[in-house]
Amino acid sequence: MFKISVSTTFDAAHFLKDYDGKCANLHGHTWRVEAEVEGQTTNDLGLLIDFGMIKDYLKDITSRLDHKLLNDVLQVNPTAENIARYIFKELKAKLIVYPEIKLCSVKVWESPNNAATYME
């Protein structure tokens, strides 16, 4: 079994609806996103899948979130957990053309010390 991970960042603002605390106020983060995929075999070059391909897919997804108010983009309260699930679902749809590759998880950091992970 092989696993690889790719990460990227984007900047966006949000506020947590119905939250009793300072995160109910509008604020922003430099979000870090890490996606991990796995598979049983590599290709003739010894690659599970090209890092650049996963990175391009992630950039395409996060570009829809970059410098946006996430409350206006997502259909759910934009918690780190919900952002991780959103990115997971979008990336999984892009990877459907690679049946030998399984998307394991998407991890989203809203700060260097706080992260949420989504996996199926």
Protein backbone atom coordinates (compact mmCIF):
# COMPACT_ATOMS: atom_id res chain seq x y z
CA MET A 1 0.00 0.00 0.00
CA PHE A 2 1.23 3.47 -0.90
CA LYS A 3 0.00 6.79 0.49
CA ILE A 4 0.87 10.28 -0.62
CA SER A 5 -0.26 13.64 0.65
CA VAL A 6 -0.37 17.08 -0.91
CA SER A 7 -1.07 20.38 0.79
CA THR A 8 -1.95 23.90 -0.24
CA THR A 9 -3.26 27.08 1.36
CA PHE A 10 -5.94 29.66 0.71
CA ASP A 11 -7.11 32.81 2.49
CA ALA A 12 -10.75 33.31 3.38
CA ALA A 13 -13.04 34.83 5.97
CA HIS A 14 -15.96 33.31 7.84
CA PHE A 15 -18.07 33.56 10.93
CA LEU A 16 -19.82 30.79 12.80
CA LYS A 17 -23.58 31.10 12.81
CA ASP A 18 -25.36 30.41 16.10
CA TYR A 19 -22.04 30.17 17.92
CA ASP A 20 -21.65 31.72 21.36
CA GLY A 21 -18.09 33.03 21.29
CA LYS A 22 -15.69 35.27 19.44
CA CYS A 23 -15.78 33.11 16.30
CA ALA A 24 -19.33 34.36 15.76
CA ASN A 25 -17.64 37.56 14.58
CA LEU A 26 -16.34 37.95 11.05
CA HIS A 27 -12.66 36.94 10.90
CA GLY A 28 -10.20 35.39 8.49
CA HIS A 29 -7.64 32.64 8.29
CA THR A 30 -4.91 31.36 6.06
CA TRP A 31 -6.37 27.89 5.72
CA ARG A 32 -4.03 24.97 5.09
CA VAL A 33 -5.46 21.92 3.33
CA GLU A 34 -3.86 18.48 3.14
CA ALA A 35 -5.26 15.63 1.04
CA GLU A 36 -4.08 12.06 1.43
CA VAL A 37 -4.64 9.36 -1.20
CA GLU A 38 -3.70 5.69 -1.28
CA GLY A 39 -3.39 2.82 -3.69
CA GLN A 40 -1.95 -0.66 -3.98
CA THR A 41 0.44 -0.15 -6.88
CA THR A 42 2.53 2.42 -8.68
CA ASN A 43 2.76 3.04 -12.40
CA ASP A 44 5.79 2.25 -14.60
CA LEU A 45 7.54 5.37 -13.29
CA GLY A 46 7.05 4.27 -9.68
CA LEU A 47 4.35 6.87 -8.97
CA LEU A 48 1.06 6.20 -7.22
CA ILE A 49 -0.23 9.40 -8.86
CA ASP A 50 1.60 12.58 -9.79
CA PHE A 51 1.78 15.01 -6.85
CA GLY A 52 1.18 17.84 -9.32
CA MET A 53 -2.14 16.37 -10.43
CA ILE A 54 -3.49 16.24 -6.88
CA LYS A 55 -2.11 19.72 -6.22
CA ASP A 56 -3.84 21.05 -9.35
CA TYR A 57 -7.14 19.50 -8.27
CA LEU A 58 -6.80 21.02 -4.80
CA LYS A 59 -5.93 24.43 -6.24
CA ASP A 60 -8.99 24.28 -8.50
CA ILE A 61 -11.23 23.53 -5.51
CA THR A 62 -9.63 26.02 -3.11
CA SER A 63 -9.63 28.77 -5.76
CA ARG A 64 -13.43 28.79 -5.36
CA LEU A 65 -12.91 29.58 -1.66
CA ASP A 66 -9.87 31.87 -1.84
CA HIS A 67 -10.46 35.46 -0.71
CA LYS A 68 -14.16 34.78 -0.23
CA LEU A 69 -16.57 34.96 2.67
CA LEU A 70 -17.10 31.24 3.18
CA ASN A 71 -20.59 31.81 4.58
CA ASP A 72 -21.57 32.99 1.07
CA VAL A 73 -19.96 30.03 -0.71
CA LEU A 74 -20.81 26.99 1.41
CA GLN A 75 -24.32 25.74 2.06
CA VAL A 76 -23.41 24.87 5.67
CA ASN A 77 -21.93 26.64 8.67
CA PRO A 78 -18.28 27.12 7.58
CA THR A 79 -16.57 25.26 10.40
CA ALA A 80 -13.20 23.62 9.73
CA GLU A 81 -15.03 20.28 9.83
CA ASN A 82 -17.52 21.33 7.16
CA ILE A 83 -14.80 22.86 4.99
CA ALA A 84 -12.83 19.59 5.17
CA ARG A 85 -15.93 17.63 4.13
CA TYR A 86 -16.68 20.03 1.26
CA ILE A 87 -13.13 19.75 -0.11
CA PHE A 88 -13.16 15.96 0.34
CA LYS A 89 -16.38 15.57 -1.66
CA GLU A 90 -15.14 17.88 -4.44
CA LEU A 91 -11.76 16.14 -4.67
CA LYS A 92 -13.33 12.68 -4.60
CA ALA A 93 -15.45 13.64 -7.62
CA LYS A 94 -12.32 14.68 -9.52
CA LEU A 95 -10.51 11.43 -8.66
CA ILE A 96 -13.32 9.23 -10.00
CA VAL A 97 -11.33 8.82 -13.22
CA TYR A 98 -8.63 7.01 -11.20
CA PRO A 99 -10.41 3.93 -9.79
CA GLU A 100 -7.11 2.58 -8.44
CA ILE A 101 -6.70 5.65 -6.19
CA LYS A 102 -8.68 6.07 -2.95
CA LEU A 103 -9.02 9.43 -1.26
CA CYS A 104 -8.28 8.73 2.42
CA SER A 105 -8.76 12.09 4.08
CA VAL A 106 -8.76 15.84 3.83
CA LYS A 107 -7.38 17.82 6.76
CA VAL A 108 -8.01 21.55 7.13
CA TRP A 109 -6.06 23.78 9.51
CA GLU A 110 -7.54 27.13 10.47
CA SER A 111 -4.41 27.93 12.46
CA PRO A 112 -1.02 26.28 12.97
CA ASN A 113 -2.41 24.42 15.99
CA ASN A 114 -6.05 23.65 15.09
CA ALA A 115 -7.22 21.28 12.39
CA ALA A 116 -10.18 19.14 11.41
CA THR A 117 -10.07 15.96 9.30
CA TYR A 118 -12.79 14.42 7.17
CA MET A 119 -12.74 10.84 5.87
CA GLU A 120 -15.37 8.37 4.75
